[in-house]
Amino acid sequence: MGGLGGFGALFDLKAAGFTDPVLVSSTDGVGTKLRVAIDAGRHDGVGIDLVAMCVNDLVVQGAEPLFFLDYFATGALDPAAARDVIAGIAEGCRLAGCALVGGETAEMPGMYAKGDYDLAGFAVGAAERGRLLPAGVAPGDALLGLASSGVHSNGFSLVRRVLEARGMSLADDAPFAPGLSLGTALLAPTRIYVKPLLALHRAGQLKAAAHITGGGLPGNVPRVLPKGMTAAIDARGWPVPPVFAFLAEAGNIAAEEMLRVFNCGLGMVLAVPGDRREEAAAMLSAAGETVYRIGAIEASDGPAEVRIDNLPDGWPRA
């Protein structure tokens, strides 16, 4: 509702088709991936990252993202860099199906070094009352993993430390991505999963979804499980992308640390009814997702937890 120039943005929930909505909100940033973007001189992808980190957190609660606002802060505005960032934000909103209703561009001399900037994003979504997730997770439910597009937007402090220790530059060829520089390969934008997950949820085939961000599989999957449930994940169920094998080997990083810091190839983990696993997987594949059958929900006596089985020695190098 309204136009540009007001002090606040208006949004009509009734016009959006909701009758008894619950609002869901999320805020996030891009972290030290910004340092890589600034040093590489590539700014468009971090705008998509910013949107993705917020809207992916909304959809896992069963909410449709409605609108997004951004905060861009810098010492002195570089119009070209800012234009690339905002273009990425607009593209992220298009992919998520939400409105970019406003934002703030702040110039703060003395606060940032020349060329540096910071980003924050704010998203609001809605779900009809009684349609929030997680809901009804039970033993026998199947676990599906959706492929990530790479490192996404977590763990870049460790990534940068690995590159520094190996004396590698962002301009160097990426050992894990022939034809690309390290900077370009590492800056692959975070995948936005909103539309396929909303479609699956509306079809009644989604019980829970975990966005795999900082904390990895062990830190994020238990957040959507009730007490007394274990997510039994088979490490043989998905191929680990080469970027993670490179980081593990170059940084001599143990498997437990890799799983805790990075998504290791899975951007989302979903719990779906066990008897509808193939139907759900087919629906997600038709929507353009790469889907892996990675395990099942089991009953346990303790708190919600993840158990990763069949992890080979040296993983993910093996």
Protein backbone atom coordinates (compact mmCIF):
# COMPACT_ATOMS: atom_id res chain seq x y z
CA MET A 1 0.00 0.00 0.00
CA GLY A 2 1.12 3.60 -0.57
CA GLY A 3 4.18 4.68 -2.49
CA LEU A 4 7.72 5.87 -2.03
CA GLY A 5 8.59 8.74 0.25
CA GLY A 6 6.64 7.95 3.39
CA PHE A 7 8.17 7.43 6.80
CA GLY A 8 6.92 3.86 6.91
CA ALA A 9 5.68 1.16 4.54
CA LEU A 10 2.10 -0.13 4.62
CA PHE A 11 1.03 -3.69 3.88
CA ASP A 12 -2.56 -4.95 3.61
CA LEU A 13 -2.78 -8.52 4.92
CA LYS A 14 -6.40 -8.89 3.85
CA ALA A 15 -5.54 -7.94 0.28
CA ALA A 16 -2.79 -10.57 0.39
CA GLY A 17 -5.44 -13.23 0.96
CA PHE A 18 -5.09 -13.93 4.69
CA THR A 19 -8.09 -14.31 6.97
CA ASP A 20 -6.62 -15.12 10.41
CA PRO A 21 -2.87 -14.59 10.02
CA VAL A 22 0.00 -14.97 12.44
CA LEU A 23 2.96 -12.73 11.61
CA VAL A 24 6.46 -14.23 11.56
CA SER A 25 9.54 -12.02 11.48
CA SER A 26 13.24 -12.55 10.87
CA THR A 27 16.38 -10.45 10.73
CA ASP A 28 19.87 -11.42 9.61
CA GLY A 29 23.01 -10.32 7.80
CA VAL A 30 25.63 -11.85 5.55
CA GLY A 31 28.47 -12.02 8.08
CA THR A 32 32.09 -12.02 7.00
CA LYS A 33 31.13 -13.16 3.51
CA LEU A 34 30.94 -9.39 3.00
CA ARG A 35 34.70 -9.23 3.47
CA VAL A 36 35.14 -11.69 0.61
CA ALA A 37 32.71 -9.73 -1.59
CA ILE A 38 34.44 -6.42 -0.88
CA ASP A 39 37.93 -7.83 -1.42
CA ALA A 40 36.84 -9.57 -4.64
CA GLY A 41 34.95 -6.49 -5.87
CA ARG A 42 31.78 -8.52 -6.47
CA HIS A 43 28.72 -7.12 -4.75
CA ASP A 44 25.57 -8.39 -6.49
CA GLY A 45 25.37 -11.85 -4.91
CA VAL A 46 25.45 -10.64 -1.30
CA GLY A 47 22.11 -8.92 -1.87
CA ILE A 48 20.58 -12.30 -2.68
CA ASP A 49 22.35 -13.76 0.37
CA LEU A 50 20.81 -11.09 2.58
CA VAL A 51 17.28 -11.89 1.47
CA ALA A 52 17.87 -15.65 1.56
CA MET A 53 19.09 -15.68 5.14
CA CYS A 54 15.87 -14.00 6.26
CA VAL A 55 13.19 -15.58 4.06
CA ASN A 56 14.53 -19.13 4.43
CA ASP A 57 14.06 -18.68 8.18
CA LEU A 58 10.44 -17.63 7.59
CA VAL A 59 9.41 -20.47 5.29
CA VAL A 60 10.64 -23.17 7.67
CA GLN A 61 7.95 -21.95 10.06
CA GLY A 62 5.31 -22.32 7.39
CA ALA A 63 5.15 -18.60 6.68
CA GLU A 64 4.92 -16.89 3.31
CA PRO A 65 7.37 -13.95 3.12
CA LEU A 66 5.41 -10.75 2.59
CA PHE A 67 7.90 -7.91 2.63
CA PHE A 68 11.56 -7.13 3.12
CA LEU A 69 13.58 -4.11 4.24
CA ASP A 70 17.33 -3.62 4.05
CA TYR A 71 19.91 -1.55 5.92
CA PHE A 72 23.07 -0.57 4.03
CA ALA A 73 25.75 1.30 6.00
CA THR A 74 29.05 2.63 4.71
CA GLY A 75 31.58 5.39 5.33
CA ALA A 76 31.18 7.05 1.94
CA LEU A 77 28.70 5.76 -0.63
CA ASP A 78 30.11 4.03 -3.69
CA PRO A 79 27.13 4.30 -6.07
CA ALA A 80 28.23 1.40 -8.27
CA ALA A 81 28.71 -1.01 -5.38
CA ALA A 82 25.47 0.09 -3.72
CA ARG A 83 23.59 -0.33 -6.99
CA ASP A 84 24.88 -3.91 -7.32
CA VAL A 85 23.93 -4.73 -3.73
CA ILE A 86 20.40 -3.33 -4.11
CA ALA A 87 19.94 -5.09 -7.44
CA GLY A 88 20.81 -8.36 -5.69
CA ILE A 89 18.32 -7.61 -2.93
CA ALA A 90 15.62 -6.97 -5.53
CA GLU A 91 16.44 -10.25 -7.26
CA GLY A 92 16.31 -12.10 -3.94
CA CYS A 93 12.88 -10.65 -3.25
CA ARG A 94 11.71 -11.72 -6.70
CA LEU A 95 12.93 -15.28 -6.06
CA ALA A 96 11.19 -15.31 -2.68
CA GLY A 97 7.97 -13.74 -3.97
CA CYS A 98 8.02 -10.90 -1.45
CA ALA A 99 7.89 -7.12 -1.75
CA LEU A 100 10.89 -4.86 -1.20
CA VAL A 101 9.01 -2.12 0.65
CA GLY A 102 11.85 0.04 1.91
CA GLY A 103 15.28 0.35 3.38
CA GLU A 104 17.91 2.68 4.77
CA THR A 105 21.20 3.79 3.26
CA ALA A 106 23.44 5.30 5.93
CA GLU A 107 26.70 7.16 5.31
CA MET A 108 28.76 7.23 8.50
CA PRO A 109 32.20 8.74 7.92
CA GLY A 110 34.79 7.42 10.34
CA MET A 111 32.84 4.26 11.10
CA TYR A 112 33.97 2.21 8.10
CA ALA A 113 37.22 1.96 6.16
CA LYS A 114 37.18 3.13 2.56
CA GLY A 115 35.19 0.72 0.42
CA ASP A 116 33.74 -1.19 3.37
CA TYR A 117 30.04 -1.54 4.08
CA ASP A 118 27.67 -3.61 6.18
CA LEU A 119 24.25 -5.08 5.49
CA ALA A 120 21.27 -6.13 7.55
CA GLY A 121 17.93 -7.46 6.38
CA PHE A 122 14.48 -7.62 7.91
CA ALA A 123 11.65 -9.80 6.63
CA VAL A 124 8.06 -10.31 7.73
CA GLY A 125 5.88 -13.21 6.68
CA ALA A 126 2.50 -14.62 7.60
CA ALA A 127 0.77 -17.96 8.01
CA GLU A 128 -2.80 -18.79 8.74
CA ARG A 129 -3.33 -19.67 12.38
CA GLY A 130 -2.94 -23.42 12.79
CA ARG A 131 -0.68 -23.78 9.75
CA LEU A 132 2.63 -23.01 11.41
CA LEU A 133 5.54 -25.44 11.30
CA PRO A 134 6.86 -27.71 12.72
CA ALA A 135 3.76 -29.82 13.27
CA GLY A 136 3.19 -33.51 13.90
CA VAL A 137 6.74 -34.84 13.50
CA ALA A 138 6.69 -38.54 14.41
CA PRO A 139 8.84 -41.68 14.22
CA GLY A 140 8.83 -43.07 10.70
CA ASP A 141 8.78 -39.69 9.01
CA ALA A 142 11.29 -39.45 6.18
CA LEU A 143 14.11 -36.92 6.00
CA LEU A 144 14.85 -35.20 2.70
CA GLY A 145 17.82 -32.95 2.07
CA LEU A 146 17.82 -30.12 -0.45
CA ALA A 147 21.14 -29.32 -2.08
CA SER A 148 22.88 -26.08 -1.19
CA SER A 149 24.52 -23.85 -3.79
CA GLY A 150 27.81 -23.89 -1.88
CA VAL A 151 28.98 -22.40 1.40
CA HIS A 152 25.94 -20.08 1.52
CA SER A 153 26.50 -17.36 4.17
CA ASN A 154 28.01 -19.11 7.18
CA GLY A 155 31.53 -20.06 8.14
CA PHE A 156 33.38 -17.41 6.15
CA SER A 157 35.66 -16.47 9.03
CA LEU A 158 36.98 -20.03 8.87
CA VAL A 159 37.06 -19.95 5.06
CA ARG A 160 39.17 -16.78 5.13
CA ARG A 161 41.48 -18.27 7.75
CA VAL A 162 42.04 -21.36 5.58
CA LEU A 163 42.88 -19.23 2.54
CA GLU A 164 45.22 -17.05 4.56
CA ALA A 165 47.01 -20.06 6.05
CA ARG A 166 47.51 -21.52 2.58
CA GLY A 167 48.66 -18.18 1.13
CA MET A 168 45.82 -18.19 -1.40
CA SER A 169 44.28 -15.13 -3.05
CA LEU A 170 40.67 -14.65 -4.11
CA ALA A 171 42.00 -14.10 -7.61
CA ASP A 172 43.57 -17.58 -7.68
CA ASP A 173 41.89 -20.37 -9.62
CA ALA A 174 39.46 -22.32 -7.47
CA PRO A 175 40.79 -25.90 -7.11
CA PHE A 176 37.23 -27.16 -6.66
CA ALA A 177 35.60 -25.18 -9.50
CA PRO A 178 37.51 -25.27 -12.80
CA GLY A 179 37.31 -22.02 -14.74
CA LEU A 180 36.36 -19.88 -11.75
CA SER A 181 38.42 -17.76 -9.38
CA LEU A 182 38.23 -18.50 -5.67
CA GLY A 183 36.37 -15.25 -5.10
CA THR A 184 33.71 -16.01 -7.71
CA ALA A 185 33.24 -19.63 -6.60
CA LEU A 186 33.00 -18.81 -2.89
CA LEU A 187 30.51 -16.00 -3.50
CA ALA A 188 27.85 -18.25 -5.06
CA PRO A 189 24.61 -16.82 -3.57
CA THR A 190 22.64 -18.64 -0.90
CA ARG A 191 19.82 -20.66 -2.42
CA ILE A 192 16.30 -19.41 -1.73
CA TYR A 193 13.93 -22.31 -1.02
CA VAL A 194 10.72 -20.40 -0.38
CA LYS A 195 8.47 -21.28 -3.32
CA PRO A 196 9.08 -25.07 -3.41
CA LEU A 197 8.67 -25.36 0.37
CA LEU A 198 5.48 -23.32 0.42
CA ALA A 199 4.03 -25.49 -2.34
CA LEU A 200 4.96 -28.65 -0.43
CA HIS A 201 3.46 -27.26 2.77
CA ARG A 202 0.22 -26.26 1.04
CA ALA A 203 -0.02 -29.79 -0.38
CA GLY A 204 0.04 -31.14 3.19
CA GLN A 205 3.35 -32.94 2.75
CA LEU A 206 5.69 -30.96 5.01
CA LYS A 207 5.91 -31.55 8.76
CA ALA A 208 9.10 -29.67 9.54
CA ALA A 209 11.98 -27.91 7.82
CA ALA A 210 15.37 -26.84 9.16
CA HIS A 211 17.42 -24.13 7.47
CA ILE A 212 21.03 -25.32 7.72
CA THR A 213 22.99 -22.22 8.70
CA GLY A 214 25.59 -21.66 11.45
CA GLY A 215 25.68 -24.77 13.61
CA GLY A 216 25.25 -27.05 10.61
CA LEU A 217 23.18 -30.22 10.78
CA PRO A 218 23.80 -30.88 14.52
CA GLY A 219 22.84 -27.35 15.52
CA ASN A 220 19.81 -26.72 13.34
CA VAL A 221 17.85 -29.93 12.77
CA PRO A 222 17.05 -30.46 16.51
CA ARG A 223 15.43 -27.01 16.59
CA VAL A 224 12.42 -28.36 14.66
CA LEU A 225 12.08 -31.72 16.46
CA PRO A 226 10.02 -32.44 19.57
CA LYS A 227 11.59 -34.03 22.63
CA GLY A 228 12.12 -37.76 22.24
CA MET A 229 12.88 -37.61 18.52
CA THR A 230 16.16 -38.36 16.76
CA ALA A 231 16.95 -37.39 13.19
CA ALA A 232 18.94 -40.38 11.95
CA ILE A 233 20.90 -39.10 8.94
CA ASP A 234 22.91 -41.37 6.65
CA ALA A 235 26.09 -39.61 5.49
CA ARG A 236 25.99 -41.75 2.34
CA GLY A 237 22.71 -40.13 1.36
CA TRP A 238 24.14 -37.08 -0.40
CA PRO A 239 27.31 -36.11 -2.27
CA VAL A 240 29.38 -33.48 -0.48
CA PRO A 241 30.25 -30.65 -2.92
CA PRO A 242 33.96 -30.28 -3.75
CA VAL A 243 34.24 -26.90 -1.99
CA PHE A 244 33.83 -28.61 1.37
CA ALA A 245 36.37 -31.31 0.61
CA PHE A 246 38.78 -28.53 -0.39
CA LEU A 247 38.20 -26.60 2.85
CA ALA A 248 38.54 -29.73 5.00
CA GLU A 249 41.81 -30.74 3.36
CA ALA A 250 43.32 -27.26 3.03
CA GLY A 251 42.47 -26.37 6.61
CA ASN A 252 42.93 -29.82 8.15
CA ILE A 253 39.42 -29.48 9.58
CA ALA A 254 37.90 -32.46 11.39
CA ALA A 255 34.58 -33.90 10.27
CA GLU A 256 32.84 -32.78 13.47
CA GLU A 257 33.96 -29.20 12.92
CA MET A 258 32.93 -29.26 9.26
CA LEU A 259 29.46 -30.43 10.24
CA ARG A 260 29.19 -27.79 12.95
CA VAL A 261 30.35 -24.82 10.84
CA PHE A 262 29.15 -25.55 7.30
CA ASN A 263 26.02 -26.86 5.58
CA CYS A 264 28.23 -29.50 3.84
CA GLY A 265 25.95 -29.57 0.82
CA LEU A 266 22.49 -29.50 2.44
CA GLY A 267 20.78 -26.12 2.64
CA MET A 268 17.52 -27.53 4.00
CA VAL A 269 16.47 -30.69 5.79
CA LEU A 270 12.79 -31.60 5.62
CA ALA A 271 10.64 -34.05 7.56
CA VAL A 272 7.82 -35.46 5.44
CA PRO A 273 5.35 -38.33 5.98
CA GLY A 274 7.20 -41.59 5.43
CA ASP A 275 4.52 -42.99 3.13
CA ARG A 276 4.63 -39.87 0.94
CA ARG A 277 8.38 -39.52 0.69
CA GLU A 278 8.58 -40.26 -3.03
CA GLU A 279 5.65 -37.99 -3.82
CA ALA A 280 7.26 -35.14 -1.87
CA ALA A 281 10.65 -35.72 -3.49
CA ALA A 282 9.09 -35.71 -6.96
CA MET A 283 7.25 -32.48 -6.24
CA LEU A 284 10.45 -30.77 -5.06
CA SER A 285 12.44 -32.09 -8.04
CA ALA A 286 9.81 -30.77 -10.43
CA ALA A 287 10.23 -27.36 -8.78
CA GLY A 288 13.95 -27.38 -9.59
CA GLU A 289 15.42 -28.65 -6.33
CA THR A 290 18.04 -31.37 -6.05
CA VAL A 291 16.60 -33.77 -3.48
CA TYR A 292 18.37 -36.43 -1.42
CA ARG A 293 16.81 -39.14 0.72
CA ILE A 294 18.98 -38.85 3.80
CA GLY A 295 17.28 -40.68 6.65
CA ALA A 296 14.31 -40.90 8.97
CA ILE A 297 12.91 -39.80 12.32
CA GLU A 298 13.35 -42.29 15.16
CA ALA A 299 12.01 -42.36 18.69
CA SER A 300 14.43 -41.81 21.57
CA ASP A 301 14.36 -41.27 25.33
CA GLY A 302 16.12 -37.92 25.54
CA PRO A 303 16.09 -34.46 24.01
CA ALA A 304 15.76 -33.87 20.29
CA GLU A 305 19.00 -34.72 18.56
CA VAL A 306 20.74 -35.60 15.32
CA ARG A 307 22.68 -38.82 14.72
CA ILE A 308 24.84 -39.00 11.62
CA ASP A 309 25.56 -42.57 10.59
CA ASN A 310 28.08 -44.09 8.18
CA LEU A 311 30.48 -41.18 8.26
CA PRO A 312 33.62 -42.51 6.55
CA ASP A 313 37.11 -41.83 7.87
CA GLY A 314 38.47 -38.58 6.49
CA TRP A 315 35.02 -37.28 5.49
CA PRO A 316 34.39 -35.11 3.51
CA ARG A 317 37.72 -35.69 1.78
CA ALA A 318 36.81 -39.30 1.00
